[in-house]
């Protein structure tokens, strides 16, 4: 158990050290990349909402057409 915990601790230290070095070397580019990803995700979300609304509107129009024909 102690051996496993020791290995885990060493791994966590290495991860933290690498994180700091990566941020120092690539931080600004990664920030811009993250901004671009978040913007694209927002655009995709809005498109999905618009598509869902279009499908719902179409369903309602078709139902309306068939209900008019019955009368």
PDB file of N, CA and C in Angstrom:
ATOM      1  N   UNK A   1       0.831  -1.187   0.000  1.00  0.00           N
ATOM      2  CA  UNK A   1       0.000   0.000   0.000  1.00  0.00           C
ATOM      3  C   UNK A   1       0.881   1.258   0.000  1.00  0.00           C
ATOM      4  N   UNK A   2       1.916   1.261   0.845  1.00  0.00           N
ATOM      5  CA  UNK A   2       2.795   2.423   0.914  1.00  0.00           C
ATOM      6  C   UNK A   2       3.528   2.633  -0.409  1.00  0.00           C
ATOM      7  N   UNK A   3       3.909   1.539  -1.039  1.00  0.00           N
ATOM      8  CA  UNK A   3       4.615   1.649  -2.317  1.00  0.00           C
ATOM      9  C   UNK A   3       3.726   2.292  -3.366  1.00  0.00           C
ATOM     10  N   UNK A   4       2.498   1.850  -3.424  1.00  0.00           N
ATOM     11  CA  UNK A   4       1.541   2.402  -4.385  1.00  0.00           C
ATOM     12  C   UNK A   4       1.305   3.893  -4.109  1.00  0.00           C
ATOM     13  N   UNK A   5       1.147   4.250  -2.846  1.00  0.00           N
ATOM     14  CA  UNK A   5       0.940   5.656  -2.479  1.00  0.00           C
ATOM     15  C   UNK A   5       2.156   6.490  -2.838  1.00  0.00           C
ATOM     16  N   UNK A   6       3.341   5.929  -2.632  1.00  0.00           N
ATOM     17  CA  UNK A   6       4.568   6.649  -2.978  1.00  0.00           C
ATOM     18  C   UNK A   6       4.659   6.904  -4.469  1.00  0.00           C
ATOM     19  N   UNK A   7       4.340   5.895  -5.265  1.00  0.00           N
ATOM     20  CA  UNK A   7       4.352   6.071  -6.721  1.00  0.00           C
ATOM     21  C   UNK A   7       3.335   7.119  -7.159  1.00  0.00           C
ATOM     22  N   UNK A   8       2.177   7.088  -6.553  1.00  0.00           N
ATOM     23  CA  UNK A   8       1.139   8.072  -6.881  1.00  0.00           C
ATOM     24  C   UNK A   8       1.613   9.486  -6.539  1.00  0.00           C
ATOM     25  N   UNK A   9       2.262   9.649  -5.397  1.00  0.00           N
ATOM     26  CA  UNK A   9       2.769  10.963  -4.989  1.00  0.00           C
ATOM     27  C   UNK A   9       3.830  11.460  -5.970  1.00  0.00           C
ATOM     28  N   UNK A  10       4.737  10.572  -6.364  1.00  0.00           N
ATOM     29  CA  UNK A  10       5.768  10.962  -7.340  1.00  0.00           C
ATOM     30  C   UNK A  10       5.122  11.386  -8.654  1.00  0.00           C
ATOM     31  N   UNK A  11       4.129  10.649  -9.084  1.00  0.00           N
ATOM     32  CA  UNK A  11       3.437  10.969 -10.326  1.00  0.00           C
ATOM     33  C   UNK A  11       2.774  12.346 -10.229  1.00  0.00           C
ATOM     34  N   UNK A  12       2.105  12.611  -9.118  1.00  0.00           N
ATOM     35  CA  UNK A  12       1.432  13.900  -8.944  1.00  0.00           C
ATOM     36  C   UNK A  12       2.420  15.057  -8.956  1.00  0.00           C
ATOM     37  N   UNK A  13       3.579  14.871  -8.345  1.00  0.00           N
ATOM     38  CA  UNK A  13       4.614  15.915  -8.356  1.00  0.00           C
ATOM     39  C   UNK A  13       5.081  16.165  -9.781  1.00  0.00           C
ATOM     40  N   UNK A  14       5.318  15.102 -10.523  1.00  0.00           N
ATOM     41  CA  UNK A  14       5.742  15.262 -11.911  1.00  0.00           C
ATOM     42  C   UNK A  14       4.681  15.978 -12.741  1.00  0.00           C
ATOM     43  N   UNK A  15       3.428  15.617 -12.532  1.00  0.00           N
ATOM     44  CA  UNK A  15       2.336  16.257 -13.276  1.00  0.00           C
ATOM     45  C   UNK A  15       2.298  17.754 -12.976  1.00  0.00           C
ATOM     46  N   UNK A  16       2.408  18.123 -11.719  1.00  0.00           N
ATOM     47  CA  UNK A  16       2.377  19.542 -11.350  1.00  0.00           C
ATOM     48  C   UNK A  16       3.553  20.309 -11.946  1.00  0.00           C
ATOM     49  N   UNK A  17       4.735  19.699 -11.930  1.00  0.00           N
ATOM     50  CA  UNK A  17       5.903  20.348 -12.522  1.00  0.00           C
ATOM     51  C   UNK A  17       5.715  20.527 -14.025  1.00  0.00           C
ATOM     52  N   UNK A  18       5.212  19.502 -14.680  1.00  0.00           N
ATOM     53  CA  UNK A  18       4.992  19.601 -16.123  1.00  0.00           C
ATOM     54  C   UNK A  18       3.920  20.630 -16.460  1.00  0.00           C
ATOM     55  N   UNK A  19       2.872  20.695 -15.657  1.00  0.00           N
ATOM     56  CA  UNK A  19       1.827  21.691 -15.882  1.00  0.00           C
ATOM     57  C   UNK A  19       2.414  23.103 -15.881  1.00  0.00           C
ATOM     58  N   UNK A  20       3.236  23.383 -14.884  1.00  0.00           N
ATOM     59  CA  UNK A  20       3.830  24.724 -14.762  1.00  0.00           C
ATOM     60  C   UNK A  20       4.696  25.037 -15.973  1.00  0.00           C
ATOM     61  N   UNK A  21       5.494  24.070 -16.406  1.00  0.00           N
ATOM     62  CA  UNK A  21       6.378  24.298 -17.558  1.00  0.00           C
ATOM     63  C   UNK A  21       5.589  24.457 -18.853  1.00  0.00           C
ATOM     64  N   UNK A  22       4.549  23.662 -19.009  1.00  0.00           N
ATOM     65  CA  UNK A  22       3.707  23.776 -20.208  1.00  0.00           C
ATOM     66  C   UNK A  22       3.022  25.132 -20.246  1.00  0.00           C
ATOM     67  N   UNK A  23       2.473  25.564 -19.111  1.00  0.00           N
ATOM     68  CA  UNK A  23       1.826  26.876 -19.068  1.00  0.00           C
ATOM     69  C   UNK A  23       2.795  28.000 -19.371  1.00  0.00           C
ATOM     70  N   UNK A  24       4.010  27.883 -18.863  1.00  0.00           N
ATOM     71  CA  UNK A  24       5.012  28.919 -19.115  1.00  0.00           C
ATOM     72  C   UNK A  24       5.374  28.974 -20.595  1.00  0.00           C
ATOM     73  N   UNK A  25       5.554  27.815 -21.215  1.00  0.00           N
ATOM     74  CA  UNK A  25       5.982  27.768 -22.609  1.00  0.00           C
ATOM     75  C   UNK A  25       4.843  28.024 -23.596  1.00  0.00           C
ATOM     76  N   UNK A  26       3.653  27.534 -23.300  1.00  0.00           N
ATOM     77  CA  UNK A  26       2.571  27.565 -24.265  1.00  0.00           C
ATOM     78  C   UNK A  26       1.305  28.256 -23.772  1.00  0.00           C
ATOM     79  N   UNK A  27       1.354  28.873 -22.619  1.00  0.00           N
ATOM     80  CA  UNK A  27       0.173  29.476 -22.015  1.00  0.00           C
ATOM     81  C   UNK A  27      -0.629  30.394 -22.914  1.00  0.00           C
ATOM     82  N   UNK A  28       0.012  31.405 -23.522  1.00  0.00           N
ATOM     83  CA  UNK A  28      -0.771  32.338 -24.354  1.00  0.00           C
ATOM     84  C   UNK A  28      -1.472  31.648 -25.539  1.00  0.00           C
ATOM     85  N   UNK A  29      -0.769  30.724 -26.183  1.00  0.00           N
ATOM     86  CA  UNK A  29      -1.381  30.015 -27.306  1.00  0.00           C
ATOM     87  C   UNK A  29      -2.520  29.122 -26.827  1.00  0.00           C
ATOM     88  N   UNK A  30      -2.340  28.515 -25.669  1.00  0.00           N
ATOM     89  CA  UNK A  30      -3.384  27.646 -25.134  1.00  0.00           C
ATOM     90  C   UNK A  30      -4.610  28.457 -24.731  1.00  0.00           C
ATOM     91  N   UNK A  31      -4.402  29.673 -24.222  1.00  0.00           N
ATOM     92  CA  UNK A  31      -5.530  30.543 -23.880  1.00  0.00           C
ATOM     93  C   UNK A  31      -6.331  30.892 -25.129  1.00  0.00           C
ATOM     94  N   UNK A  32      -5.624  31.251 -26.206  1.00  0.00           N
ATOM     95  CA  UNK A  32      -6.309  31.582 -27.456  1.00  0.00           C
ATOM     96  C   UNK A  32      -7.044  30.374 -28.014  1.00  0.00           C
ATOM     97  N   UNK A  33      -6.417  29.205 -27.914  1.00  0.00           N
ATOM     98  CA  UNK A  33      -7.049  27.981 -28.377  1.00  0.00           C
ATOM     99  C   UNK A  33      -8.301  27.692 -27.562  1.00  0.00           C
ATOM    100  N   UNK A  34      -8.210  27.834 -26.254  1.00  0.00           N
ATOM    101  CA  UNK A  34      -9.368  27.587 -25.384  1.00  0.00           C
ATOM    102  C   UNK A  34     -10.500  28.554 -25.719  1.00  0.00           C
ATOM    103  N   UNK A  35     -10.160  29.824 -25.969  1.00  0.00           N
ATOM    104  CA  UNK A  35     -11.179  30.803 -26.351  1.00  0.00           C
ATOM    105  C   UNK A  35     -11.869  30.395 -27.649  1.00  0.00           C
ATOM    106  N   UNK A  36     -11.075  29.942 -28.631  1.00  0.00           N
ATOM    107  CA  UNK A  36     -11.639  29.527 -29.913  1.00  0.00           C
ATOM    108  C   UNK A  36     -12.558  28.320 -29.736  1.00  0.00           C
ATOM    109  N   UNK A  37     -12.164  27.381 -28.895  1.00  0.00           N
ATOM    110  CA  UNK A  37     -12.981  26.185 -28.656  1.00  0.00           C
ATOM    111  C   UNK A  37     -14.299  26.570 -27.988  1.00  0.00           C
ATOM    112  N   UNK A  38     -14.240  27.428 -26.983  1.00  0.00           N
ATOM    113  CA  UNK A  38     -15.458  27.846 -26.280  1.00  0.00           C
ATOM    114  C   UNK A  38     -16.387  28.592 -27.237  1.00  0.00           C
ATOM    115  N   UNK A  39     -15.827  29.434 -28.083  1.00  0.00           N
ATOM    116  CA  UNK A  39     -16.639  30.164 -29.055  1.00  0.00           C
ATOM    117  C   UNK A  39     -17.318  29.196 -30.028  1.00  0.00           C
ATOM    118  N   UNK A  40     -16.570  28.219 -30.519  1.00  0.00           N
ATOM    119  CA  UNK A  40     -17.128  27.239 -31.449  1.00  0.00           C
ATOM    120  C   UNK A  40     -18.212  26.403 -30.770  1.00  0.00           C
ATOM    121  N   UNK A  41     -18.001  26.038 -29.513  1.00  0.00           N
ATOM    122  CA  UNK A  41     -19.002  25.267 -28.789  1.00  0.00           C
ATOM    123  C   UNK A  41     -20.289  26.069 -28.632  1.00  0.00           C
ATOM    124  N   UNK A  42     -20.160  27.362 -28.377  1.00  0.00           N
ATOM    125  CA  UNK A  42     -21.335  28.221 -28.269  1.00  0.00           C
ATOM    126  C   UNK A  42     -22.093  28.294 -29.579  1.00  0.00           C
ATOM    127  N   UNK A  43     -21.360  28.400 -30.681  1.00  0.00           N
ATOM    128  CA  UNK A  43     -21.979  28.440 -32.001  1.00  0.00           C
ATOM    129  C   UNK A  43     -22.703  27.131 -32.292  1.00  0.00           C
ATOM    130  N   UNK A  44     -22.055  26.012 -31.956  1.00  0.00           N
ATOM    131  CA  UNK A  44     -22.685  24.706 -32.170  1.00  0.00           C
ATOM    132  C   UNK A  44     -23.947  24.567 -31.324  1.00  0.00           C
ATOM    133  N   UNK A  45     -23.904  25.043 -30.109  1.00  0.00           N
ATOM    134  CA  UNK A  45     -25.061  24.951 -29.223  1.00  0.00           C
ATOM    135  C   UNK A  45     -26.224  25.756 -29.792  1.00  0.00           C
ATOM    136  N   UNK A  46     -25.932  26.972 -30.249  1.00  0.00           N
ATOM    137  CA  UNK A  46     -26.983  27.806 -30.830  1.00  0.00           C
ATOM    138  C   UNK A  46     -27.567  27.151 -32.077  1.00  0.00           C
ATOM    139  N   UNK A  47     -26.717  26.532 -32.886  1.00  0.00           N
ATOM    140  CA  UNK A  47     -27.193  25.850 -34.090  1.00  0.00           C
ATOM    141  C   UNK A  47     -28.084  24.663 -33.721  1.00  0.00           C
ATOM    142  N   UNK A  48     -27.702  23.929 -32.693  1.00  0.00           N
ATOM    143  CA  UNK A  48     -28.512  22.785 -32.259  1.00  0.00           C
ATOM    144  C   UNK A  48     -29.874  23.256 -31.756  1.00  0.00           C
ATOM    145  N   UNK A  49     -29.907  24.362 -31.030  1.00  0.00           N
ATOM    146  CA  UNK A  49     -31.178  24.912 -30.562  1.00  0.00           C
ATOM    147  C   UNK A  49     -32.053  25.348 -31.732  1.00  0.00           C
ATOM    148  N   UNK A  50     -31.437  25.997 -32.717  1.00  0.00           N
ATOM    149  CA  UNK A  50     -32.181  26.450 -33.888  1.00  0.00           C
ATOM    150  C   UNK A  50     -32.720  25.256 -34.677  1.00  0.00           C
ATOM    151  N   UNK A  51     -31.916  24.206 -34.791  1.00  0.00           N
ATOM    152  CA  UNK A  51     -32.358  23.010 -35.505  1.00  0.00           C
ATOM    153  C   UNK A  51     -33.527  22.351 -34.777  1.00  0.00           C
ATOM    154  N   UNK A  52     -33.444  22.281 -33.465  1.00  0.00           N
ATOM    155  CA  UNK A  52     -34.533  21.711 -32.681  1.00  0.00           C
ATOM    156  C   UNK A  52     -35.816  22.505 -32.835  1.00  0.00           C
ATOM    157  N   UNK A  53     -35.693  23.835 -32.842  1.00  0.00           N
ATOM    158  CA  UNK A  53     -36.869  24.686 -33.020  1.00  0.00           C
ATOM    159  C   UNK A  53     -37.460  24.490 -34.409  1.00  0.00           C
ATOM    160  N   UNK A  54     -36.598  24.389 -35.422  1.00  0.00           N
ATOM    161  CA  UNK A  54     -37.084  24.187 -36.787  1.00  0.00           C
ATOM    162  C   UNK A  54     -37.840  22.864 -36.898  1.00  0.00           C
ATOM    163  N   UNK A  55     -37.330  21.822 -36.277  1.00  0.00           N
ATOM    164  CA  UNK A  55     -38.015  20.524 -36.307  1.00  0.00           C
ATOM    165  C   UNK A  55     -39.359  20.606 -35.594  1.00  0.00           C
ATOM    166  N   UNK A  56     -39.392  21.271 -34.454  1.00  0.00           N
ATOM    167  CA  UNK A  56     -40.645  21.410 -33.712  1.00  0.00           C
ATOM    168  C   UNK A  56     -41.655  22.222 -34.512  1.00  0.00           C
ATOM    169  N   UNK A  57     -41.196  23.300 -35.149  1.00  0.00           N
ATOM    170  CA  UNK A  57     -42.088  24.125 -35.967  1.00  0.00           C
ATOM    171  C   UNK A  57     -42.658  23.315 -37.132  1.00  0.00           C
ATOM    172  N   UNK A  58     -41.807  22.520 -37.781  1.00  0.00           N
ATOM    173  CA  UNK A  58     -42.260  21.701 -38.898  1.00  0.00           C
ATOM    174  C   UNK A  58     -43.304  20.693 -38.433  1.00  0.00           C
ATOM    175  N   UNK A  59     -43.054  20.057 -37.317  1.00  0.00           N
ATOM    176  CA  UNK A  59     -44.000  19.079 -36.771  1.00  0.00           C
ATOM    177  C   UNK A  59     -45.355  19.747 -36.507  1.00  0.00           C
ATOM    178  N   UNK A  60     -45.299  20.940 -35.938  1.00  0.00           N
ATOM    179  CA  UNK A  60     -46.532  21.666 -35.633  1.00  0.00           C
ATOM    180  C   UNK A  60     -47.275  22.045 -36.920  1.00  0.00           C
ATOM    181  N   UNK A  61     -46.546  22.490 -37.940  1.00  0.00           N
ATOM    182  CA  UNK A  61     -47.181  22.866 -39.207  1.00  0.00           C
ATOM    183  C   UNK A  61     -47.822  21.657 -39.878  1.00  0.00           C
ATOM    184  N   UNK A  62     -47.127  20.527 -39.865  1.00  0.00           N
ATOM    185  CA  UNK A  62     -47.681  19.314 -40.472  1.00  0.00           C
ATOM    186  C   UNK A  62     -48.935  18.883 -39.725  1.00  0.00           C
ATOM    187  N   UNK A  63     -48.899  18.914 -38.415  1.00  0.00           N
ATOM    188  CA  UNK A  63     -50.071  18.565 -37.614  1.00  0.00           C
ATOM    189  C   UNK A  63     -51.230  19.505 -37.929  1.00  0.00           C
ATOM    190  N   UNK A  64     -50.919  20.780 -38.086  1.00  0.00           N
ATOM    191  CA  UNK A  64     -51.941  21.771 -38.409  1.00  0.00           C
ATOM    192  C   UNK A  64     -52.570  21.497 -39.776  1.00  0.00           C
ATOM    193  N   UNK A  65     -51.738  21.137 -40.738  1.00  0.00           N
ATOM    194  CA  UNK A  65     -52.231  20.839 -42.084  1.00  0.00           C
ATOM    195  C   UNK A  65     -53.196  19.658 -42.056  1.00  0.00           C
ATOM    196  N   UNK A  66     -52.817  18.592 -41.343  1.00  0.00           N
ATOM    197  CA  UNK A  66     -53.670  17.418 -41.293  1.00  0.00           C
ATOM    198  C   UNK A  66     -54.931  17.656 -40.462  1.00  0.00           C
ATOM    199  N   UNK A  67     -54.856  18.492 -39.452  1.00  0.00           N
ATOM    200  CA  UNK A  67     -56.036  18.768 -38.665  1.00  0.00           C
ATOM    201  C   UNK A  67     -57.025  19.649 -39.438  1.00  0.00           C
ATOM    202  N   UNK A  68     -56.530  20.512 -40.316  1.00  0.00           N
ATOM    203  CA  UNK A  68     -57.418  21.326 -41.171  1.00  0.00           C
ATOM    204  C   UNK A  68     -58.141  20.449 -42.173  1.00  0.00           C
ATOM    205  N   UNK A  69     -57.459  19.436 -42.680  1.00  0.00           N
ATOM    206  CA  UNK A  69     -58.035  18.571 -43.702  1.00  0.00           C
ATOM    207  C   UNK A  69     -59.187  17.727 -43.129  1.00  0.00           C
ATOM    208  N   UNK A  70     -59.117  17.363 -41.846  1.00  0.00           N
ATOM    209  CA  UNK A  70     -60.156  16.560 -41.228  1.00  0.00           C
ATOM    210  C   UNK A  70     -61.452  17.350 -41.078  1.00  0.00           C
ATOM    211  N   UNK A  71     -61.361  18.634 -40.927  1.00  0.00           N
ATOM    212  CA  UNK A  71     -62.539  19.460 -40.657  1.00  0.00           C
ATOM    213  C   UNK A  71     -63.290  19.704 -41.897  1.00  0.00           C
TER     214      UNK A  71
END
